[in-house]
């Protein structure tokens, strides 16, 4: 009997999707960190005006939001580092 996979996927497709999801998780942290730096340096423009009355560094501004998003997405990096550390032992 053959392996049963969700409609439209194969074992290779599922593995590829899993691999892509891991890389997207790794890409999120530096992307949000860069966005925070750029917003702090260049200003947020009209979007910042909507979010925090024009103060990008206020507690409700875009910079703290990007920093928090970067921190929340750092789990993928922590898992990667712990796996590499365990493999090196």
C-alpha atoms as a PDB file:
ATOM      1  CA  UNK A   1       0.000   0.000   0.000  1.00  0.00           C
ATOM      2  CA  UNK A   2       1.326   3.489  -0.830  1.00  0.00           C
ATOM      3  CA  UNK A   3       1.815   6.325   1.616  1.00  0.00           C
ATOM      4  CA  UNK A   4      -1.200   8.585   1.992  1.00  0.00           C
ATOM      5  CA  UNK A   5      -0.533  12.349   1.794  1.00  0.00           C
ATOM      6  CA  UNK A   6      -2.857  15.357   1.861  1.00  0.00           C
ATOM      7  CA  UNK A   7      -4.397  16.239  -1.492  1.00  0.00           C
ATOM      8  CA  UNK A   8      -1.897  17.726  -3.908  1.00  0.00           C
ATOM      9  CA  UNK A   9       1.187  16.956  -1.814  1.00  0.00           C
ATOM     10  CA  UNK A  10       3.814  14.267  -1.830  1.00  0.00           C
ATOM     11  CA  UNK A  11       6.410  13.276   0.708  1.00  0.00           C
ATOM     12  CA  UNK A  12       8.979  15.434  -1.111  1.00  0.00           C
ATOM     13  CA  UNK A  13       6.516  18.330  -1.289  1.00  0.00           C
ATOM     14  CA  UNK A  14       5.835  18.110   2.435  1.00  0.00           C
ATOM     15  CA  UNK A  15       9.539  18.036   3.203  1.00  0.00           C
ATOM     16  CA  UNK A  16      10.117  21.019   0.923  1.00  0.00           C
ATOM     17  CA  UNK A  17       7.316  22.955   2.626  1.00  0.00           C
ATOM     18  CA  UNK A  18       8.762  22.140   6.040  1.00  0.00           C
ATOM     19  CA  UNK A  19      12.224  23.268   4.923  1.00  0.00           C
ATOM     20  CA  UNK A  20      10.793  26.506   3.500  1.00  0.00           C
ATOM     21  CA  UNK A  21       8.878  27.180   6.727  1.00  0.00           C
ATOM     22  CA  UNK A  22      12.097  26.810   8.746  1.00  0.00           C
ATOM     23  CA  UNK A  23      13.923  29.303   6.511  1.00  0.00           C
ATOM     24  CA  UNK A  24      11.033  31.765   6.657  1.00  0.00           C
ATOM     25  CA  UNK A  25      11.144  31.534  10.442  1.00  0.00           C
ATOM     26  CA  UNK A  26      14.858  32.329  10.363  1.00  0.00           C
ATOM     27  CA  UNK A  27      14.305  35.243   7.978  1.00  0.00           C
ATOM     28  CA  UNK A  28      11.680  36.922  10.186  1.00  0.00           C
ATOM     29  CA  UNK A  29      13.965  37.987  13.051  1.00  0.00           C
ATOM     30  CA  UNK A  30      16.593  39.891  11.049  1.00  0.00           C
ATOM     31  CA  UNK A  31      13.916  41.332   8.752  1.00  0.00           C
ATOM     32  CA  UNK A  32      12.004  42.864  11.650  1.00  0.00           C
ATOM     33  CA  UNK A  33      15.226  44.073  13.285  1.00  0.00           C
ATOM     34  CA  UNK A  34      16.240  45.817  10.056  1.00  0.00           C
ATOM     35  CA  UNK A  35      12.776  47.348   9.769  1.00  0.00           C
ATOM     36  CA  UNK A  36      13.081  48.686  13.320  1.00  0.00           C
ATOM     37  CA  UNK A  37      16.461  50.287  12.569  1.00  0.00           C
ATOM     38  CA  UNK A  38      15.280  51.783   9.288  1.00  0.00           C
ATOM     39  CA  UNK A  39      12.119  53.145  10.895  1.00  0.00           C
ATOM     40  CA  UNK A  40      14.128  54.685  13.735  1.00  0.00           C
ATOM     41  CA  UNK A  41      16.681  56.237  11.369  1.00  0.00           C
ATOM     42  CA  UNK A  42      14.502  57.249   8.439  1.00  0.00           C
ATOM     43  CA  UNK A  43      11.184  57.738  10.206  1.00  0.00           C
ATOM     44  CA  UNK A  44       8.025  55.855   9.495  1.00  0.00           C
ATOM     45  CA  UNK A  45       6.292  58.439   7.327  1.00  0.00           C
ATOM     46  CA  UNK A  46       2.505  58.268   7.050  1.00  0.00           C
ATOM     47  CA  UNK A  47       2.302  54.829   8.701  1.00  0.00           C
ATOM     48  CA  UNK A  48       4.004  56.174  11.816  1.00  0.00           C
ATOM     49  CA  UNK A  49       1.515  59.007  11.932  1.00  0.00           C
ATOM     50  CA  UNK A  50      -1.346  56.513  12.067  1.00  0.00           C
ATOM     51  CA  UNK A  51       0.212  54.316  14.741  1.00  0.00           C
ATOM     52  CA  UNK A  52       1.594  56.769  17.238  1.00  0.00           C
ATOM     53  CA  UNK A  53       0.794  60.399  16.474  1.00  0.00           C
ATOM     54  CA  UNK A  54       4.136  60.791  14.715  1.00  0.00           C
ATOM     55  CA  UNK A  55       6.458  59.554  17.476  1.00  0.00           C
ATOM     56  CA  UNK A  56       8.277  56.483  16.135  1.00  0.00           C
ATOM     57  CA  UNK A  57      10.019  55.733  19.431  1.00  0.00           C
ATOM     58  CA  UNK A  58       6.970  56.041  21.657  1.00  0.00           C
ATOM     59  CA  UNK A  59       5.687  52.871  23.347  1.00  0.00           C
ATOM     60  CA  UNK A  60       2.944  52.579  20.740  1.00  0.00           C
ATOM     61  CA  UNK A  61       5.210  53.362  17.772  1.00  0.00           C
ATOM     62  CA  UNK A  62       6.444  51.230  14.936  1.00  0.00           C
ATOM     63  CA  UNK A  63      10.010  50.761  16.244  1.00  0.00           C
ATOM     64  CA  UNK A  64       8.967  48.983  19.473  1.00  0.00           C
ATOM     65  CA  UNK A  65       6.487  46.902  17.484  1.00  0.00           C
ATOM     66  CA  UNK A  66       9.214  45.739  15.066  1.00  0.00           C
ATOM     67  CA  UNK A  67      11.585  44.995  17.963  1.00  0.00           C
ATOM     68  CA  UNK A  68       8.918  42.915  19.724  1.00  0.00           C
ATOM     69  CA  UNK A  69       8.129  41.048  16.515  1.00  0.00           C
ATOM     70  CA  UNK A  70      11.835  40.351  16.080  1.00  0.00           C
ATOM     71  CA  UNK A  71      12.072  39.039  19.643  1.00  0.00           C
ATOM     72  CA  UNK A  72       8.976  36.838  19.280  1.00  0.00           C
ATOM     73  CA  UNK A  73      10.341  35.305  16.072  1.00  0.00           C
ATOM     74  CA  UNK A  74      13.780  34.586  17.562  1.00  0.00           C
ATOM     75  CA  UNK A  75      12.719  31.071  18.632  1.00  0.00           C
ATOM     76  CA  UNK A  76      13.794  29.691  15.248  1.00  0.00           C
ATOM     77  CA  UNK A  77      17.317  31.074  15.787  1.00  0.00           C
ATOM     78  CA  UNK A  78      17.456  29.706  19.330  1.00  0.00           C
ATOM     79  CA  UNK A  79      16.459  26.229  18.096  1.00  0.00           C
ATOM     80  CA  UNK A  80      19.085  26.375  15.344  1.00  0.00           C
ATOM     81  CA  UNK A  81      21.820  27.430  17.759  1.00  0.00           C
ATOM     82  CA  UNK A  82      20.897  24.781  20.320  1.00  0.00           C
ATOM     83  CA  UNK A  83      20.907  22.033  17.653  1.00  0.00           C
ATOM     84  CA  UNK A  84      24.319  23.101  16.380  1.00  0.00           C
ATOM     85  CA  UNK A  85      25.696  23.286  19.898  1.00  0.00           C
ATOM     86  CA  UNK A  86      24.350  19.802  20.674  1.00  0.00           C
ATOM     87  CA  UNK A  87      25.763  18.434  17.386  1.00  0.00           C
ATOM     88  CA  UNK A  88      29.187  19.882  18.224  1.00  0.00           C
ATOM     89  CA  UNK A  89      29.425  17.957  21.491  1.00  0.00           C
END
